[in-house]
Amino acid sequence: MKEYQNNYGDKMEVIYMDAKEDREKQEDQVRYLIEEGVDVVVILPVDTMHTTRITNLLIDSNIPGVYINKYPDELNKEHPYGIYYVGSDENTSGVMQMEYLSKF
């Protein structure tokens, strides 16, 4: 991301935050980003079973949210408007892994 950001100079600012595996801290960080008026929030969720409040904060603020690598359980394969997921389908990955292992 930092390299990508450097290619765009001052056209784009990226704010990096680390919740240190603390879901309450992650929610506070999202609140802060909303208050700062960011254009989009990209989130690697700390706890996929507790992302409803973060999703609702983003929806209520009309700020798009992109969850990466860990699919939030509450989305249940349906995405509210402005909320996205980028990552693999864990079920498909699991099947592929087992098919590969079954060859040995």
Protein backbone atom coordinates (compact mmCIF):
# COMPACT_ATOMS: atom_id res chain seq x y z
CA MET A 1 0.00 0.00 0.00
CA LYS A 2 2.75 2.42 0.87
CA GLU A 3 4.41 1.87 -2.51
CA TYR A 4 1.08 2.34 -4.27
CA GLN A 5 0.48 5.50 -2.26
CA ASN A 6 3.91 6.84 -3.21
CA ASN A 7 3.03 6.48 -6.90
CA TYR A 8 0.13 8.89 -6.41
CA GLY A 9 2.00 11.49 -4.41
CA ASP A 10 -0.27 13.95 -2.69
CA LYS A 11 -3.39 12.78 -4.58
CA MET A 12 -4.05 10.19 -1.92
CA GLU A 13 -3.45 9.81 1.79
CA VAL A 14 -3.49 6.42 3.47
CA ILE A 15 -3.91 6.18 7.24
CA TYR A 16 -2.61 2.95 8.74
CA MET A 17 -3.88 1.68 12.09
CA ASP A 18 -3.31 -1.50 14.07
CA ALA A 19 -5.90 -2.60 16.61
CA LYS A 20 -3.48 -5.16 18.11
CA GLU A 21 -6.19 -7.87 18.00
CA ASP A 22 -8.52 -5.72 20.15
CA ARG A 23 -11.99 -5.48 18.64
CA GLU A 24 -13.05 -2.51 20.80
CA LYS A 25 -9.94 -0.63 19.73
CA GLN A 26 -10.70 -1.44 16.09
CA GLU A 27 -14.21 -0.05 16.47
CA ASP A 28 -12.78 3.13 18.06
CA GLN A 29 -10.34 3.45 15.16
CA VAL A 30 -13.19 3.24 12.65
CA ARG A 31 -15.07 5.93 14.61
CA TYR A 32 -11.95 8.12 14.45
CA LEU A 33 -11.61 7.61 10.70
CA ILE A 34 -15.26 8.50 10.19
CA GLU A 35 -14.78 11.69 12.24
CA GLU A 36 -11.76 12.51 10.06
CA GLY A 37 -14.01 12.29 6.99
CA VAL A 38 -12.13 9.58 5.11
CA ASP A 39 -13.42 8.43 1.72
CA VAL A 40 -13.23 4.69 2.43
CA VAL A 41 -12.23 2.34 5.27
CA VAL A 42 -10.38 -0.91 4.55
CA ILE A 43 -10.61 -3.35 7.46
CA LEU A 44 -8.93 -6.62 8.34
CA PRO A 45 -11.43 -7.57 11.05
CA VAL A 46 -10.05 -8.58 14.43
CA ASP A 47 -13.12 -10.72 15.17
CA THR A 48 -15.40 -11.68 12.30
CA MET A 49 -18.26 -12.44 14.68
CA HIS A 50 -18.31 -8.88 16.01
CA THR A 51 -18.26 -6.57 13.00
CA THR A 52 -21.92 -5.53 13.00
CA ARG A 53 -21.25 -2.25 14.84
CA ILE A 54 -18.42 -1.36 12.46
CA THR A 55 -20.60 -2.15 9.45
CA ASN A 56 -23.46 -0.05 10.85
CA LEU A 57 -21.13 2.87 11.64
CA LEU A 58 -19.94 2.89 8.03
CA ILE A 59 -23.43 2.57 6.57
CA ASP A 60 -24.78 5.33 8.81
CA SER A 61 -21.88 7.57 7.75
CA ASN A 62 -22.23 6.78 4.04
CA ILE A 63 -18.59 5.72 3.94
CA PRO A 64 -17.77 2.60 1.93
CA GLY A 65 -16.14 -0.21 3.88
CA VAL A 66 -13.99 -2.99 2.48
CA TYR A 67 -13.37 -6.05 4.64
CA ILE A 68 -10.29 -7.97 3.59
CA ASN A 69 -9.12 -11.57 4.11
CA LYS A 70 -11.67 -12.45 6.82
CA TYR A 71 -15.34 -12.54 5.85
CA PRO A 72 -17.55 -10.91 8.52
CA ASP A 73 -20.08 -13.46 9.75
CA GLU A 74 -22.95 -10.98 9.88
CA LEU A 75 -22.75 -10.29 6.17
CA ASN A 76 -23.94 -13.86 5.53
CA LYS A 77 -22.88 -13.59 1.89
CA GLU A 78 -25.10 -10.53 1.41
CA HIS A 79 -23.47 -7.13 1.31
CA PRO A 80 -25.29 -4.01 2.42
CA TYR A 81 -24.84 -1.15 -0.01
CA GLY A 82 -21.33 0.26 0.29
CA ILE A 83 -19.90 -2.70 2.21
CA TYR A 84 -17.58 -5.06 0.33
CA TYR A 85 -15.39 -8.10 0.89
CA VAL A 86 -12.12 -8.86 -0.86
CA GLY A 87 -10.59 -12.26 -0.22
CA SER A 88 -10.95 -15.93 -0.91
CA ASP A 89 -13.94 -18.15 -0.30
CA GLU A 90 -12.81 -20.22 2.67
CA ASN A 91 -15.07 -23.17 1.80
CA THR A 92 -13.66 -23.41 -1.72
CA SER A 93 -10.12 -23.10 -0.38
CA GLY A 94 -10.76 -25.88 2.13
CA VAL A 95 -12.12 -28.22 -0.54
CA MET A 96 -9.12 -27.53 -2.78
CA GLN A 97 -6.72 -28.20 0.08
CA MET A 98 -8.37 -31.52 0.94
CA GLU A 99 -8.42 -32.58 -2.71
CA TYR A 100 -4.71 -31.87 -2.93
CA LEU A 101 -3.95 -33.75 0.31
CA SER A 102 -6.03 -36.75 -0.78
CA LYS A 103 -3.51 -37.40 -3.56
CA PHE A 104 -0.83 -38.42 -1.04
